Amino acid sequence: MTAKKNLSGWHPSARIGDILAVKGEIIWVLTGQLITFTGGIAGVKVLTNVMGPENYGQLGLGLTISGLVNLFFFGPFGQAIVRFFSICREKATLPAYFKAVFRMQKHTSLVLLVVSVPAAGATYLKSGPGWAWLIVISLLFGYFSGVNNSFLSFHNAIRQRRMVALHQGADMWLRMLAAMAVLLLANRSGSAALAGFCIGTAVVSLSWGYLTFNMKVVSQHCLSAGESVEDDFKTYREFFVYIRSFLYFSVFGAIVLYADRWILQAYHGQKEVGIYTALYLIANAPVVVIMNLAGQLMLPIIYDQAGDLKNPEYLQKSGKTVRLAVTAFGGGMLLLVLFAFFYGEPIVRLFSSEQYIAYASALWIILLGSCLFHIGQLLVMRGLSLARPNIYVLPKAVHAMIFLITTGWLVQRQGPRGAAIAMALSASVYLLLVGIANRRLEKAISGCLDKR
């Protein structure tokens, strides 16, 4: 599918069935997720056997630092890239859109640099060169992952499924292969594995950049001078305001996504962190595939249906698409939980090593918590499509508070299994609160339709 078709082949009034009839897109999305899934699982299998639980625990802690980079910097930016493409296309302001994207990318990188240097320096003074090196490599990997996320978000917005599929799959496999090379050449530490991750992801970033900036649609709009300085500033400000609301979420997300590993480190040590990280990655691998499918297939459609947020009928149609996504993808997730409940130990043995079997009974609980949380995230697409992310601040705040309290209490007593139980309990509350927030939003939209 050419860029031109991707940019003009869809209108909010199109039926979902018409979109899903584009078989080529669906095949590429499924292919990309299959490659990504197999690469991720292969990475867990190989690295857990080569590194052992303790070194794998160091890798797990480093990945939380990299995750924070995406959570606070590039994750919100990627959301804005996807959301504002459809809005700017309808308003015929794509030149201003691209200027805002490049400007925001530059500012995001500068802020990250300002934060990273003192963080690495303070870690060196307090904890020594080993931890400082882990910080530096983790931040660097987070940066390259964030750049990849920016490119991926844009190509998802214009529905370039083949490019997304190939780059996602290549990223996962190159990370693993480069990590193995560094581990064999250097040592078997978590820092060495992360250095390999950096190399693999940097190669994919270079490929993304070369292909993207040579696309006619990108160069054409980037070179366009049809927008005034005032229009450029207005678009950038809309980006900034939209992204700012996600920063509140990032504080809560940092707790929910990464606090468990650091609490385990504080009470039990790197070995338990390594075991829990392996179980978490195994349990989360199919969920990530499902969420990526939802994001790549449904999110652009949901945003396009919402359009410029001025037509209540389109807004209502967008809500039906969200409910369809929750039913289809959420149902698939819960079937995975049943499978993990009955076959948890064989799954852990197959995808890791004997050193991780002791906590295999926690696999289905981790998967349950992850599924409940991500079903909530599917529901959150409704508010995001309407540029109303602030309605989820309270659910996310309560989720983070419950997760932090229950994790701290249960981890002391049950180790990795306690972290899994805390995840499931807090995710249940989060799903309930997001559902309540969406119900209120739907009532407001129905009121607008009644007034018409």
Foldseek 3Di string as FASTA:
>chain_A
DALVCLLPVDFLVDDLVVLVVPVVLVVLLVLLLVLLLVLLLQLLAVLCVLQPLQQLLLLLQLLLLLVLLCQQFQVLLLLLLQQCVLQCSVVVNVLLSLVLSVVSLVVSVVVLVVVQVVVLVVCCVPPNDVVSLSSVLSSLLSNLVSLVSNLLSNCLSSSPSNLNSVLSSQLSNQLSVQLVVQCVVPNSHSSSSSNSSSVSSVVSSVVSVVVVCPRPVSVVSNPDPPDDPVSSVVSNVVSVVLSVLSNLLSVLVSLLPPVLSVLLCVQPRSSLSSLLSSLLSLLCSVVVSLLSCCCSSQLSSLLSLCRNVPDLVSLVVSVVSLVVSLVVSLVVLVVSLVVCQVCQQVSSVVSYHPSNNVCSNLNSLLSLLSSLQVSLVSLCSSCSSNSRNNLLSVLSVQLSVQLNVQSNVQCNPPNSSSNSNSSNVSSNSSSVSSVVSVVVVVVVSVVVVVVD
